[in-house]
Every structure is written in C-alpha cells, then in structure tokens.
Amino acid sequence: MLNFRLLVLLIYIFFQHALAQTYPSKPIRLIVPYPPGGSVDLVGRTLARKMTELLGQPVVIDNKGGAGARLGVDLAAKSNPDGYTLVVATVTSMSMAINMFPKLPYDPIKSFAPISLLTKAPGIVTVNESLQVKNLKEFIELLKNKPGQINYSSLGNGSIQHFTGEYFQSMTGTQMLHVPYQGAGPELIAILGNQVQVGFEVLSSFQLQNYQSGKLKALAVASKERISSLPSVPTSAEAGLPGFEFSSWFSLMAPAGTSPQIIKKLNEETRKALSDKDVLEVIGLQGQDPSGNSPEEMALFLEADIAKWSRVMKSTNFKIE
C-alpha cells in the first residue's frame, strides 16, 4: 500500500511538472471585478499587456463588476484551477468582505492560491469644489452643522469607500448620506457633477488630474506620511484627525488547487512585469506603488490585513444594511 501511494505521488509530481513546462498553451482570462475605467481595470490591463509578452499567450481582460467586486471574485473562486483563470483581487473583495458578509460565497484564504501583491495606494479625503472648505477641520465643522445633508460616494455597498465613510463619521461624530455607484468611472462623474460632494478616494490618475485642476480638493492623505504626487496635502494626523488611515491594494490570485509550479511561474513573470519601466510608469500615474512579493508573503499579508480590518470594524460596529 505504501509503495502504491508513493507511486501515485510520483506520477502526480511528474504530471504537475510536465504541465508547468508546457504552461501556458492557450489564452489566459484575467478577471477584473470592476467595470472598465477605474484604477483596478487600468492596472489589470497594464499587467495583462506585459504578461502577454512574457508568457507568449494572450492575457485577456474580463470585466465582471458588481456587488462591490464580490461577483467577479466569486466567479474566479469557482473556476477551474488550471492556471487559465486569474483575478485581480482587492482589499474590498478580500480583507473587508470576509469581515462584512457572514454568507460570503468564497473564502479569501481557502478559495484562492495567492500569486503576488501588485500595488498599494493611499486613501484621500476628497471634496468637490461646491463645498467651499479650506481644510479638514472646516469640513468636519460643516458636517456637524448640516447632519445628513451632505452625500458621500462609494463603489458600492461594502466597498472600501463605503466603510471608510462610516469609519470617518464614527471618528468625527458626523452624519452623511451614503450613495453607492457601480464602478470608479460613474462614481467620479457623480462627484465631479456635484451629485455627491464627498469621496473617500484611493489615489488614481483621474483624481490626480482633478486635484491639480481644482475640480476636486484633497483635504487629507489617510496615511502616515505625505505623498510625493500631492506634497502640499497634509496627512490625517497633521490635519487634526490622528488615527484615521486607510489604503487600497491589488493582488493577483488563482483558484485554490492551481498547481504550485504554475503559481511559481506566474509569480516570476508577474514580478518581472512589475519591474518593467513602462508598467512602472503607468502604475505610477495611477498613484499606485508596485509591490510584488512571493506567494507565501502574499498569503501572510492577506491574513494580517483581514485581522486588521476585523479589529477596525468591530471598533465602529459597522454593518451592511
């Protein structure tokens, strides 16, 4: 019996190795769980172009937006673990979702094989030009004088913008109306068009252009340090709200059960892509920092991030209505 099991194991290892040697032999689908036009989509498309070159097979973007990115991520989780379906996972769909939704149809840890962290980006407290406030202190005073009369936008119920808006209100004792949108493009149009006045944004090229033109005003960067693309914008702590921090991250994942050899190959090529000067330029224009790491490091990062968001959500009693 022992020899038979050993034989089966050796055959399995042989075929896994052979599979990795011929992979990929057909196009790869890369699910982006948001509509076209946002920073996740742009990073995904940039990565796909370079990975197509490196892997010798087309990496085809499949936009599957909806349900705060959970729809597309769930589709990836239930796909065949053969290396031909990958997904750009985010803090919203992974670390936050598992803490918000008791009946989440996938498990961020058990349902996926991590490939690599892709990028990180800081959060920014943003208002449009209709709110004539000069700084975060004036903004908080305005909210206190107009409870429930000012709207803030998000990329959907359960998104990082939604939670962060509730987190901000909890910390400041203010009240706003939450207005969800299906993607970064519609959400940006809404805040520029004064359909909503406030956004808890993750820095991207769209926002950067509008900050520079004055159509949007960045009141604070929700990170420990100021950022080079907006050097005059204070951190939350400098603006008078210490402890208010949030950031976004994107990662590349495969369905659980994908061959370790394929994961290794994808990790190697992903990290090559993230070091390419053209890729770096596009990512930088999105306000993102490239952050390639190993599958093992990505797994540890995800576990730690889930634990962090769990602590924060418990402290605010955040619930999806």
C-alpha atoms as a PDB file:
ATOM      1  CA  MET A   1       0.000   0.000   0.000  1.00  0.00           C
ATOM      2  CA  LEU A   2       2.834   2.392   0.885  1.00  0.00           C
ATOM      3  CA  ASN A   3       4.587   1.712  -2.420  1.00  0.00           C
ATOM      4  CA  PHE A   4       1.330   2.312  -4.316  1.00  0.00           C
ATOM      5  CA  ARG A   5       0.806   5.670  -2.595  1.00  0.00           C
ATOM      6  CA  LEU A   6       4.388   6.626  -3.324  1.00  0.00           C
ATOM      7  CA  LEU A   7       3.882   5.677  -6.973  1.00  0.00           C
ATOM      8  CA  VAL A   8       0.722   7.798  -7.182  1.00  0.00           C
ATOM      9  CA  LEU A   9       2.564  10.726  -5.608  1.00  0.00           C
ATOM     10  CA  LEU A  10       5.456  10.411  -8.047  1.00  0.00           C
ATOM     11  CA  ILE A  11       3.072  10.253 -11.014  1.00  0.00           C
ATOM     12  CA  TYR A  12       1.252  13.339  -9.705  1.00  0.00           C
ATOM     13  CA  ILE A  13       4.525  15.248  -9.309  1.00  0.00           C
ATOM     14  CA  PHE A  14       5.617  14.200 -12.796  1.00  0.00           C
ATOM     15  CA  PHE A  15       2.415  15.385 -14.434  1.00  0.00           C
ATOM     16  CA  GLN A  16       2.405  18.633 -12.464  1.00  0.00           C
ATOM     17  CA  HIS A  17       5.947  19.301 -13.585  1.00  0.00           C
ATOM     18  CA  ALA A  18       5.086  18.432 -17.200  1.00  0.00           C
ATOM     19  CA  LEU A  19       2.056  20.727 -17.039  1.00  0.00           C
ATOM     20  CA  ALA A  20       4.175  23.608 -15.786  1.00  0.00           C
ATOM     21  CA  GLN A  21       6.696  23.042 -18.592  1.00  0.00           C
ATOM     22  CA  THR A  22       4.014  23.476 -21.276  1.00  0.00           C
ATOM     23  CA  TYR A  23       2.034  26.228 -19.497  1.00  0.00           C
ATOM     24  CA  PRO A  24       0.534  28.344 -20.882  1.00  0.00           C
ATOM     25  CA  SER A  25      -0.634  26.731 -24.099  1.00  0.00           C
ATOM     26  CA  LYS A  26      -3.753  28.883 -24.638  1.00  0.00           C
ATOM     27  CA  PRO A  27      -5.106  32.327 -23.699  1.00  0.00           C
ATOM     28  CA  ILE A  28      -5.459  33.237 -20.009  1.00  0.00           C
ATOM     29  CA  ARG A  29      -8.547  35.018 -18.702  1.00  0.00           C
ATOM     30  CA  LEU A  30      -7.828  37.757 -16.167  1.00  0.00           C
ATOM     31  CA  ILE A  31     -10.996  38.722 -14.310  1.00  0.00           C
ATOM     32  CA  VAL A  32     -11.154  42.364 -13.226  1.00  0.00           C
ATOM     33  CA  PRO A  33     -14.075  42.545 -10.757  1.00  0.00           C
ATOM     34  CA  TYR A  34     -14.951  46.136 -11.666  1.00  0.00           C
ATOM     35  CA  PRO A  35     -16.308  47.906 -14.775  1.00  0.00           C
ATOM     36  CA  PRO A  36     -13.805  49.393 -17.246  1.00  0.00           C
ATOM     37  CA  GLY A  37     -12.211  52.733 -16.488  1.00  0.00           C
ATOM     38  CA  GLY A  38     -11.147  52.582 -12.841  1.00  0.00           C
ATOM     39  CA  SER A  39      -7.710  52.116 -11.355  1.00  0.00           C
ATOM     40  CA  VAL A  40      -8.174  48.341 -10.865  1.00  0.00           C
ATOM     41  CA  ASP A  41      -9.066  47.992 -14.535  1.00  0.00           C
ATOM     42  CA  LEU A  42      -6.136  50.123 -15.691  1.00  0.00           C
ATOM     43  CA  VAL A  43      -3.629  48.240 -13.539  1.00  0.00           C
ATOM     44  CA  GLY A  44      -5.107  44.934 -14.722  1.00  0.00           C
ATOM     45  CA  ARG A  45      -4.880  45.922 -18.388  1.00  0.00           C
ATOM     46  CA  THR A  46      -1.318  47.176 -17.992  1.00  0.00           C
ATOM     47  CA  LEU A  47      -0.303  43.936 -16.316  1.00  0.00           C
ATOM     48  CA  ALA A  48      -2.130  41.866 -18.951  1.00  0.00           C
ATOM     49  CA  ARG A  49      -0.259  43.528 -21.832  1.00  0.00           C
ATOM     50  CA  LYS A  50       3.130  42.836 -20.287  1.00  0.00           C
ATOM     51  CA  MET A  51       2.192  39.307 -19.176  1.00  0.00           C
ATOM     52  CA  THR A  52       1.037  38.546 -22.722  1.00  0.00           C
ATOM     53  CA  GLU A  53       4.537  39.416 -23.896  1.00  0.00           C
ATOM     54  CA  LEU A  54       6.269  37.452 -21.136  1.00  0.00           C
ATOM     55  CA  LEU A  55       4.081  34.330 -21.259  1.00  0.00           C
ATOM     56  CA  GLY A  56       3.713  34.110 -25.041  1.00  0.00           C
ATOM     57  CA  GLN A  57      -0.074  33.752 -24.822  1.00  0.00           C
ATOM     58  CA  PRO A  58      -2.821  36.410 -24.750  1.00  0.00           C
ATOM     59  CA  VAL A  59      -3.910  37.512 -21.282  1.00  0.00           C
ATOM     60  CA  VAL A  60      -7.487  38.653 -21.881  1.00  0.00           C
ATOM     61  CA  ILE A  61      -9.283  41.056 -19.546  1.00  0.00           C
ATOM     62  CA  ASP A  62     -12.791  40.035 -18.462  1.00  0.00           C
ATOM     63  CA  ASN A  63     -14.573  42.861 -16.583  1.00  0.00           C
ATOM     64  CA  LYS A  64     -17.085  41.369 -14.141  1.00  0.00           C
ATOM     65  CA  GLY A  65     -18.215  44.274 -11.977  1.00  0.00           C
ATOM     66  CA  GLY A  66     -20.919  44.182  -9.346  1.00  0.00           C
ATOM     67  CA  ALA A  67     -21.593  43.571  -5.654  1.00  0.00           C
ATOM     68  CA  GLY A  68     -18.541  45.562  -4.553  1.00  0.00           C
ATOM     69  CA  ALA A  69     -16.217  43.289  -6.604  1.00  0.00           C
ATOM     70  CA  ARG A  70     -17.563  40.137  -4.973  1.00  0.00           C
ATOM     71  CA  LEU A  71     -19.292  38.946  -8.148  1.00  0.00           C
ATOM     72  CA  GLY A  72     -16.114  38.702 -10.205  1.00  0.00           C
ATOM     73  CA  VAL A  73     -14.041  37.304  -7.358  1.00  0.00           C
ATOM     74  CA  ASP A  74     -16.628  34.593  -6.684  1.00  0.00           C
ATOM     75  CA  LEU A  75     -16.571  33.676 -10.381  1.00  0.00           C
ATOM     76  CA  ALA A  76     -12.808  33.252 -10.185  1.00  0.00           C
ATOM     77  CA  ALA A  77     -13.040  31.185  -6.994  1.00  0.00           C
ATOM     78  CA  LYS A  78     -15.353  28.706  -8.744  1.00  0.00           C
ATOM     79  CA  SER A  79     -13.283  28.480 -11.937  1.00  0.00           C
ATOM     80  CA  ASN A  80     -11.197  25.511 -12.996  1.00  0.00           C
ATOM     81  CA  PRO A  81      -7.828  25.685 -11.141  1.00  0.00           C
ATOM     82  CA  ASP A  82      -5.797  25.089 -14.285  1.00  0.00           C
ATOM     83  CA  GLY A  83      -3.981  28.428 -14.424  1.00  0.00           C
ATOM     84  CA  TYR A  84      -6.162  29.813 -17.194  1.00  0.00           C
ATOM     85  CA  THR A  85      -8.409  31.933 -14.981  1.00  0.00           C
ATOM     86  CA  LEU A  86      -6.863  34.551 -12.712  1.00  0.00           C
ATOM     87  CA  VAL A  87      -8.345  37.511 -10.845  1.00  0.00           C
ATOM     88  CA  VAL A  88      -7.230  40.922  -9.636  1.00  0.00           C
ATOM     89  CA  ALA A  89      -8.352  40.770  -6.008  1.00  0.00           C
ATOM     90  CA  THR A  90      -8.600  43.875  -3.828  1.00  0.00           C
ATOM     91  CA  VAL A  91      -8.751  44.851  -0.180  1.00  0.00           C
ATOM     92  CA  THR A  92     -12.509  45.348  -0.639  1.00  0.00           C
ATOM     93  CA  SER A  93     -13.222  41.924  -2.076  1.00  0.00           C
ATOM     94  CA  MET A  94     -10.918  40.047   0.284  1.00  0.00           C
ATOM     95  CA  SER A  95      -9.978  41.577   3.660  1.00  0.00           C
ATOM     96  CA  MET A  96     -13.101  43.696   4.050  1.00  0.00           C
ATOM     97  CA  ALA A  97     -15.666  41.335   2.515  1.00  0.00           C
ATOM     98  CA  ILE A  98     -14.881  38.446   4.846  1.00  0.00           C
ATOM     99  CA  ASN A  99     -15.448  40.757   7.811  1.00  0.00           C
ATOM    100  CA  MET A 100     -18.685  42.246   6.436  1.00  0.00           C
ATOM    101  CA  PHE A 101     -20.617  39.371   4.918  1.00  0.00           C
ATOM    102  CA  PRO A 102     -21.279  36.267   7.046  1.00  0.00           C
ATOM    103  CA  LYS A 103     -22.534  34.403   3.948  1.00  0.00           C
ATOM    104  CA  LEU A 104     -19.721  35.398   1.612  1.00  0.00           C
ATOM    105  CA  PRO A 105     -19.742  32.713  -1.126  1.00  0.00           C
ATOM    106  CA  TYR A 106     -15.957  32.355  -1.143  1.00  0.00           C
ATOM    107  CA  ASP A 107     -13.226  32.311   1.473  1.00  0.00           C
ATOM    108  CA  PRO A 108     -10.395  34.785   0.751  1.00  0.00           C
ATOM    109  CA  ILE A 109      -7.834  32.365   2.157  1.00  0.00           C
ATOM    110  CA  LYS A 110      -9.229  28.891   1.398  1.00  0.00           C
ATOM    111  CA  SER A 111     -10.674  29.648  -2.059  1.00  0.00           C
ATOM    112  CA  PHE A 112      -7.533  31.108  -3.611  1.00  0.00           C
ATOM    113  CA  ALA A 113      -3.873  30.475  -4.331  1.00  0.00           C
ATOM    114  CA  PRO A 114      -2.012  33.798  -3.939  1.00  0.00           C
ATOM    115  CA  ILE A 115       0.360  34.737  -6.750  1.00  0.00           C
ATOM    116  CA  SER A 116       1.644  38.194  -5.817  1.00  0.00           C
ATOM    117  CA  LEU A 117       0.751  41.537  -4.343  1.00  0.00           C
ATOM    118  CA  LEU A 118       0.552  44.004  -7.246  1.00  0.00           C
ATOM    119  CA  THR A 119       0.149  47.536  -5.920  1.00  0.00           C
ATOM    120  CA  LYS A 120      -0.716  49.680  -2.920  1.00  0.00           C
ATOM    121  CA  ALA A 121      -2.279  53.144  -2.901  1.00  0.00           C
ATOM    122  CA  PRO A 122      -3.071  55.660  -0.140  1.00  0.00           C
ATOM    123  CA  GLY A 123      -6.579  56.942   0.620  1.00  0.00           C
ATOM    124  CA  ILE A 124      -7.543  60.605   0.379  1.00  0.00           C
ATOM    125  CA  VAL A 125     -10.391  62.583   1.953  1.00  0.00           C
ATOM    126  CA  THR A 126     -11.850  64.365  -1.085  1.00  0.00           C
ATOM    127  CA  VAL A 127     -14.493  67.063  -1.614  1.00  0.00           C
ATOM    128  CA  ASN A 128     -15.699  68.736  -4.795  1.00  0.00           C
ATOM    129  CA  GLU A 129     -15.494  72.451  -5.446  1.00  0.00           C
ATOM    130  CA  SER A 130     -19.098  73.075  -4.305  1.00  0.00           C
ATOM    131  CA  LEU A 131     -18.003  72.598  -0.693  1.00  0.00           C
ATOM    132  CA  GLN A 132     -16.035  75.726  -0.049  1.00  0.00           C
ATOM    133  CA  VAL A 133     -13.932  74.387   2.794  1.00  0.00           C
ATOM    134  CA  LYS A 134     -10.213  75.011   3.068  1.00  0.00           C
ATOM    135  CA  ASN A 135      -9.187  72.127   5.289  1.00  0.00           C
ATOM    136  CA  LEU A 136     -10.326  69.025   7.157  1.00  0.00           C
ATOM    137  CA  LYS A 137     -11.263  70.970  10.283  1.00  0.00           C
ATOM    138  CA  GLU A 138     -13.637  73.236   8.341  1.00  0.00           C
ATOM    139  CA  PHE A 139     -15.114  70.208   6.594  1.00  0.00           C
ATOM    140  CA  ILE A 140     -15.891  68.451   9.881  1.00  0.00           C
ATOM    141  CA  GLU A 141     -17.473  71.639  11.247  1.00  0.00           C
ATOM    142  CA  LEU A 142     -19.629  71.887   8.111  1.00  0.00           C
ATOM    143  CA  LEU A 143     -20.808  68.294   8.524  1.00  0.00           C
ATOM    144  CA  LYS A 144     -21.723  68.919  12.155  1.00  0.00           C
ATOM    145  CA  ASN A 145     -23.750  71.968  11.129  1.00  0.00           C
ATOM    146  CA  LYS A 146     -25.558  70.033   8.353  1.00  0.00           C
ATOM    147  CA  PRO A 147     -26.170  66.488   9.651  1.00  0.00           C
ATOM    148  CA  GLY A 148     -27.436  64.168   6.929  1.00  0.00           C
ATOM    149  CA  GLN A 149     -27.452  66.905   4.269  1.00  0.00           C
ATOM    150  CA  ILE A 150     -24.179  66.095   2.531  1.00  0.00           C
ATOM    151  CA  ASN A 151     -23.611  62.977   0.397  1.00  0.00           C
ATOM    152  CA  TYR A 152     -20.553  60.779   0.065  1.00  0.00           C
ATOM    153  CA  SER A 153     -19.939  58.319  -2.749  1.00  0.00           C
ATOM    154  CA  SER A 154     -18.605  54.790  -2.901  1.00  0.00           C
ATOM    155  CA  LEU A 155     -18.040  51.974  -5.380  1.00  0.00           C
ATOM    156  CA  GLY A 156     -20.924  50.018  -3.855  1.00  0.00           C
ATOM    157  CA  ASN A 157     -22.213  48.701  -0.552  1.00  0.00           C
ATOM    158  CA  GLY A 158     -19.364  47.065   1.296  1.00  0.00           C
ATOM    159  CA  SER A 159     -16.633  48.811  -0.722  1.00  0.00           C
ATOM    160  CA  ILE A 160     -13.628  50.409   0.947  1.00  0.00           C
ATOM    161  CA  GLN A 161     -15.131  53.840   0.284  1.00  0.00           C
ATOM    162  CA  HIS A 162     -18.385  52.817   1.989  1.00  0.00           C
ATOM    163  CA  PHE A 163     -16.691  51.504   5.077  1.00  0.00           C
ATOM    164  CA  THR A 164     -14.251  54.390   5.238  1.00  0.00           C
ATOM    165  CA  GLY A 165     -17.105  56.892   5.093  1.00  0.00           C
ATOM    166  CA  GLU A 166     -18.751  55.182   8.047  1.00  0.00           C
ATOM    167  CA  TYR A 167     -15.408  54.983   9.831  1.00  0.00           C
ATOM    168  CA  PHE A 168     -14.875  58.723   9.297  1.00  0.00           C
ATOM    169  CA  GLN A 169     -18.333  59.565  10.653  1.00  0.00           C
ATOM    170  CA  SER A 170     -17.760  57.364  13.676  1.00  0.00           C
ATOM    171  CA  MET A 171     -14.475  59.109  14.477  1.00  0.00           C
ATOM    172  CA  THR A 172     -15.788  62.656  13.937  1.00  0.00           C
ATOM    173  CA  GLY A 173     -19.352  62.372  15.288  1.00  0.00           C
ATOM    174  CA  THR A 174     -20.816  63.462  11.950  1.00  0.00           C
ATOM    175  CA  GLN A 175     -23.588  62.177   9.692  1.00  0.00           C
ATOM    176  CA  MET A 176     -23.625  61.908   5.878  1.00  0.00           C
ATOM    177  CA  LEU A 177     -25.770  60.112   3.302  1.00  0.00           C
ATOM    178  CA  HIS A 178     -24.096  57.197   1.513  1.00  0.00           C
ATOM    179  CA  VAL A 179     -24.635  56.984  -2.284  1.00  0.00           C
ATOM    180  CA  PRO A 180     -23.214  53.815  -3.914  1.00  0.00           C
ATOM    181  CA  TYR A 181     -22.124  53.564  -7.575  1.00  0.00           C
ATOM    182  CA  GLN A 182     -21.181  50.607  -9.782  1.00  0.00           C
ATOM    183  CA  GLY A 183     -17.564  51.426 -10.504  1.00  0.00           C
ATOM    184  CA  ALA A 184     -14.939  54.162 -10.339  1.00  0.00           C
ATOM    185  CA  GLY A 185     -15.973  55.833 -13.605  1.00  0.00           C
ATOM    186  CA  PRO A 186     -19.608  56.537 -12.611  1.00  0.00           C
ATOM    187  CA  GLU A 187     -18.508  57.454  -9.088  1.00  0.00           C
ATOM    188  CA  LEU A 188     -16.002  60.018 -10.357  1.00  0.00           C
ATOM    189  CA  ILE A 189     -18.584  61.541 -12.722  1.00  0.00           C
ATOM    190  CA  ALA A 190     -21.008  61.841  -9.800  1.00  0.00           C
ATOM    191  CA  ILE A 191     -18.589  63.683  -7.519  1.00  0.00           C
ATOM    192  CA  LEU A 192     -17.408  65.990 -10.315  1.00  0.00           C
ATOM    193  CA  GLY A 193     -21.036  66.689 -11.269  1.00  0.00           C
ATOM    194  CA  ASN A 194     -21.977  67.541  -7.670  1.00  0.00           C
ATOM    195  CA  GLN A 195     -24.419  64.631  -7.402  1.00  0.00           C
ATOM    196  CA  VAL A 196     -22.349  63.829  -4.337  1.00  0.00           C
ATOM    197  CA  GLN A 197     -19.974  66.181  -2.560  1.00  0.00           C
ATOM    198  CA  VAL A 198     -17.551  63.903  -0.756  1.00  0.00           C
ATOM    199  CA  GLY A 199     -15.417  60.897  -1.635  1.00  0.00           C
ATOM    200  CA  PHE A 200     -13.025  58.731   0.349  1.00  0.00           C
ATOM    201  CA  GLU A 201     -10.885  58.082  -2.667  1.00  0.00           C
ATOM    202  CA  VAL A 202      -7.915  55.906  -3.467  1.00  0.00           C
ATOM    203  CA  LEU A 203      -5.423  57.971  -5.437  1.00  0.00           C
ATOM    204  CA  SER A 204      -5.503  57.455  -9.212  1.00  0.00           C
ATOM    205  CA  SER A 205      -4.610  59.440 -12.308  1.00  0.00           C
ATOM    206  CA  PHE A 206      -8.229  60.602 -12.643  1.00  0.00           C
ATOM    207  CA  GLN A 207      -8.297  62.104  -9.176  1.00  0.00           C
ATOM    208  CA  LEU A 208      -4.758  63.481  -9.504  1.00  0.00           C
ATOM    209  CA  GLN A 209      -5.693  65.472 -12.618  1.00  0.00           C
ATOM    210  CA  ASN A 210      -8.780  66.847 -10.915  1.00  0.00           C
ATOM    211  CA  TYR A 211      -6.894  67.738  -7.722  1.00  0.00           C
ATOM    212  CA  GLN A 212      -4.372  69.642  -9.799  1.00  0.00           C
ATOM    213  CA  SER A 213      -7.106  71.475 -11.755  1.00  0.00           C
ATOM    214  CA  GLY A 214      -9.033  72.376  -8.586  1.00  0.00           C
ATOM    215  CA  LYS A 215     -12.187  70.464  -9.524  1.00  0.00           C
ATOM    216  CA  LEU A 216     -11.550  68.205  -6.545  1.00  0.00           C
ATOM    217  CA  LYS A 217      -9.904  69.219  -3.279  1.00  0.00           C
ATOM    218  CA  ALA A 218      -7.777  66.783  -1.296  1.00  0.00           C
ATOM    219  CA  LEU A 219      -8.220  67.631   2.385  1.00  0.00           C
ATOM    220  CA  ALA A 220      -6.008  64.914   3.853  1.00  0.00           C
ATOM    221  CA  VAL A 221      -3.973  61.873   2.908  1.00  0.00           C
ATOM    222  CA  ALA A 222      -5.033  58.945   5.095  1.00  0.00           C
ATOM    223  CA  SER A 223      -1.524  57.586   5.563  1.00  0.00           C
ATOM    224  CA  LYS A 224       1.353  58.042   7.982  1.00  0.00           C
ATOM    225  CA  GLU A 225       3.344  60.188   5.544  1.00  0.00           C
ATOM    226  CA  ARG A 226       2.606  62.720   2.832  1.00  0.00           C
ATOM    227  CA  ILE A 227       2.793  61.512  -0.758  1.00  0.00           C
ATOM    228  CA  SER A 228       5.103  62.885  -3.455  1.00  0.00           C
ATOM    229  CA  SER A 229       2.335  63.426  -6.044  1.00  0.00           C
ATOM    230  CA  LEU A 230       0.428  65.733  -3.638  1.00  0.00           C
ATOM    231  CA  PRO A 231       3.164  67.132  -1.390  1.00  0.00           C
ATOM    232  CA  SER A 232       1.097  70.054  -0.051  1.00  0.00           C
ATOM    233  CA  VAL A 233      -1.740  67.834   1.216  1.00  0.00           C
ATOM    234  CA  PRO A 234      -1.374  67.049   4.944  1.00  0.00           C
ATOM    235  CA  THR A 235      -1.789  63.635   6.487  1.00  0.00           C
ATOM    236  CA  SER A 236      -4.925  62.989   8.528  1.00  0.00           C
ATOM    237  CA  ALA A 237      -2.904  63.381  11.706  1.00  0.00           C
ATOM    238  CA  GLU A 238      -1.463  66.706  10.542  1.00  0.00           C
ATOM    239  CA  ALA A 239      -4.972  67.861   9.586  1.00  0.00           C
ATOM    240  CA  GLY A 240      -6.311  67.116  13.065  1.00  0.00           C
ATOM    241  CA  LEU A 241      -7.660  63.567  12.803  1.00  0.00           C
ATOM    242  CA  PRO A 242      -4.936  61.213  14.082  1.00  0.00           C
ATOM    243  CA  GLY A 243      -5.568  57.514  13.601  1.00  0.00           C
ATOM    244  CA  PHE A 244      -7.733  57.894  10.500  1.00  0.00           C
ATOM    245  CA  GLU A 245      -5.865  55.801   7.940  1.00  0.00           C
ATOM    246  CA  PHE A 246      -6.902  53.663   5.000  1.00  0.00           C
ATOM    247  CA  SER A 247      -5.268  52.372   1.850  1.00  0.00           C
ATOM    248  CA  SER A 248      -6.040  50.090  -1.038  1.00  0.00           C
ATOM    249  CA  TRP A 249      -4.153  47.178  -2.510  1.00  0.00           C
ATOM    250  CA  PHE A 250      -4.492  44.913  -5.540  1.00  0.00           C
ATOM    251  CA  SER A 251      -3.206  41.354  -5.820  1.00  0.00           C
ATOM    252  CA  LEU A 252      -3.126  38.587  -8.402  1.00  0.00           C
ATOM    253  CA  MET A 253      -4.856  35.366  -7.369  1.00  0.00           C
ATOM    254  CA  ALA A 254      -5.690  31.979  -8.870  1.00  0.00           C
ATOM    255  CA  PRO A 255      -8.358  29.492  -7.759  1.00  0.00           C
ATOM    256  CA  ALA A 256      -7.280  27.197  -4.919  1.00  0.00           C
ATOM    257  CA  GLY A 257      -5.830  23.960  -6.196  1.00  0.00           C
ATOM    258  CA  THR A 258      -3.844  25.556  -9.004  1.00  0.00           C
ATOM    259  CA  SER A 259      -0.551  23.728  -9.500  1.00  0.00           C
ATOM    260  CA  PRO A 260       2.285  25.151  -7.335  1.00  0.00           C
ATOM    261  CA  GLN A 261       4.523  25.020 -10.406  1.00  0.00           C
ATOM    262  CA  ILE A 262       2.091  27.213 -12.347  1.00  0.00           C
ATOM    263  CA  ILE A 263       1.809  29.602  -9.386  1.00  0.00           C
ATOM    264  CA  LYS A 264       5.592  29.802  -9.262  1.00  0.00           C
ATOM    265  CA  LYS A 265       5.803  30.584 -12.977  1.00  0.00           C
ATOM    266  CA  LEU A 266       3.077  33.226 -12.751  1.00  0.00           C
ATOM    267  CA  ASN A 267       4.774  34.804  -9.757  1.00  0.00           C
ATOM    268  CA  GLU A 268       8.092  35.026 -11.561  1.00  0.00           C
ATOM    269  CA  GLU A 269       6.538  36.636 -14.634  1.00  0.00           C
ATOM    270  CA  THR A 270       4.353  38.969 -12.577  1.00  0.00           C
ATOM    271  CA  ARG A 271       7.346  40.289 -10.688  1.00  0.00           C
ATOM    272  CA  LYS A 272       9.198  40.785 -13.973  1.00  0.00           C
ATOM    273  CA  ALA A 273       6.191  42.727 -15.280  1.00  0.00           C
ATOM    274  CA  LEU A 274       6.096  44.915 -12.163  1.00  0.00           C
ATOM    275  CA  SER A 275       9.743  45.872 -12.684  1.00  0.00           C
ATOM    276  CA  ASP A 276       9.251  46.884 -16.323  1.00  0.00           C
ATOM    277  CA  LYS A 277       9.742  50.638 -16.842  1.00  0.00           C
ATOM    278  CA  ASP A 278       6.604  51.056 -18.972  1.00  0.00           C
ATOM    279  CA  VAL A 279       4.491  49.210 -16.415  1.00  0.00           C
ATOM    280  CA  LEU A 280       6.029  51.245 -13.604  1.00  0.00           C
ATOM    281  CA  GLU A 281       5.213  54.460 -15.430  1.00  0.00           C
ATOM    282  CA  VAL A 282       1.526  53.559 -15.856  1.00  0.00           C
ATOM    283  CA  ILE A 283       1.208  52.328 -12.277  1.00  0.00           C
ATOM    284  CA  GLY A 284       2.872  55.499 -11.012  1.00  0.00           C
ATOM    285  CA  LEU A 285       0.437  57.648 -12.977  1.00  0.00           C
ATOM    286  CA  GLN A 286      -2.379  55.834 -11.199  1.00  0.00           C
ATOM    287  CA  GLY A 287      -0.967  56.892  -7.853  1.00  0.00           C
ATOM    288  CA  GLN A 288      -0.056  53.279  -7.115  1.00  0.00           C
ATOM    289  CA  ASP A 289       3.139  51.806  -5.688  1.00  0.00           C
ATOM    290  CA  PRO A 290       4.279  48.498  -7.258  1.00  0.00           C
ATOM    291  CA  SER A 291       4.533  45.840  -4.575  1.00  0.00           C
ATOM    292  CA  GLY A 292       5.494  42.436  -5.958  1.00  0.00           C
ATOM    293  CA  ASN A 293       6.118  39.677  -3.417  1.00  0.00           C
ATOM    294  CA  SER A 294       6.171  35.877  -3.166  1.00  0.00           C
ATOM    295  CA  PRO A 295       3.036  33.694  -2.904  1.00  0.00           C
ATOM    296  CA  GLU A 296       3.980  32.883   0.686  1.00  0.00           C
ATOM    297  CA  GLU A 297       4.447  36.548   1.563  1.00  0.00           C
ATOM    298  CA  MET A 298       1.131  37.407  -0.095  1.00  0.00           C
ATOM    299  CA  ALA A 299      -0.629  34.752   1.990  1.00  0.00           C
ATOM    300  CA  LEU A 300       0.810  36.201   5.211  1.00  0.00           C
ATOM    301  CA  PHE A 301      -0.024  39.752   4.091  1.00  0.00           C
ATOM    302  CA  LEU A 302      -3.646  38.753   3.447  1.00  0.00           C
ATOM    303  CA  GLU A 303      -4.043  37.065   6.829  1.00  0.00           C
ATOM    304  CA  ALA A 304      -2.660  40.130   8.615  1.00  0.00           C
ATOM    305  CA  ASP A 305      -4.860  42.501   6.609  1.00  0.00           C
ATOM    306  CA  ILE A 306      -8.006  40.508   7.366  1.00  0.00           C
ATOM    307  CA  ALA A 307      -7.175  40.654  11.072  1.00  0.00           C
ATOM    308  CA  LYS A 308      -6.567  44.428  10.892  1.00  0.00           C
ATOM    309  CA  TRP A 309      -9.908  45.171   9.224  1.00  0.00           C
ATOM    310  CA  SER A 310     -11.661  42.885  11.685  1.00  0.00           C
ATOM    311  CA  ARG A 311     -10.362  44.982  14.584  1.00  0.00           C
ATOM    312  CA  VAL A 312     -11.358  48.263  12.930  1.00  0.00           C
ATOM    313  CA  MET A 313     -14.847  47.086  12.008  1.00  0.00           C
ATOM    314  CA  LYS A 314     -15.536  45.846  15.499  1.00  0.00           C
ATOM    315  CA  SER A 315     -14.470  49.200  16.902  1.00  0.00           C
ATOM    316  CA  THR A 316     -17.017  51.025  14.695  1.00  0.00           C
ATOM    317  CA  ASN A 317     -19.842  48.431  14.858  1.00  0.00           C
ATOM    318  CA  PHE A 318     -20.034  48.654  11.073  1.00  0.00           C
ATOM    319  CA  LYS A 319     -22.849  46.662   9.442  1.00  0.00           C
ATOM    320  CA  ILE A 320     -24.211  46.400   5.908  1.00  0.00           C
ATOM    321  CA  GLU A 321     -27.875  47.399   5.897  1.00  0.00           C
END
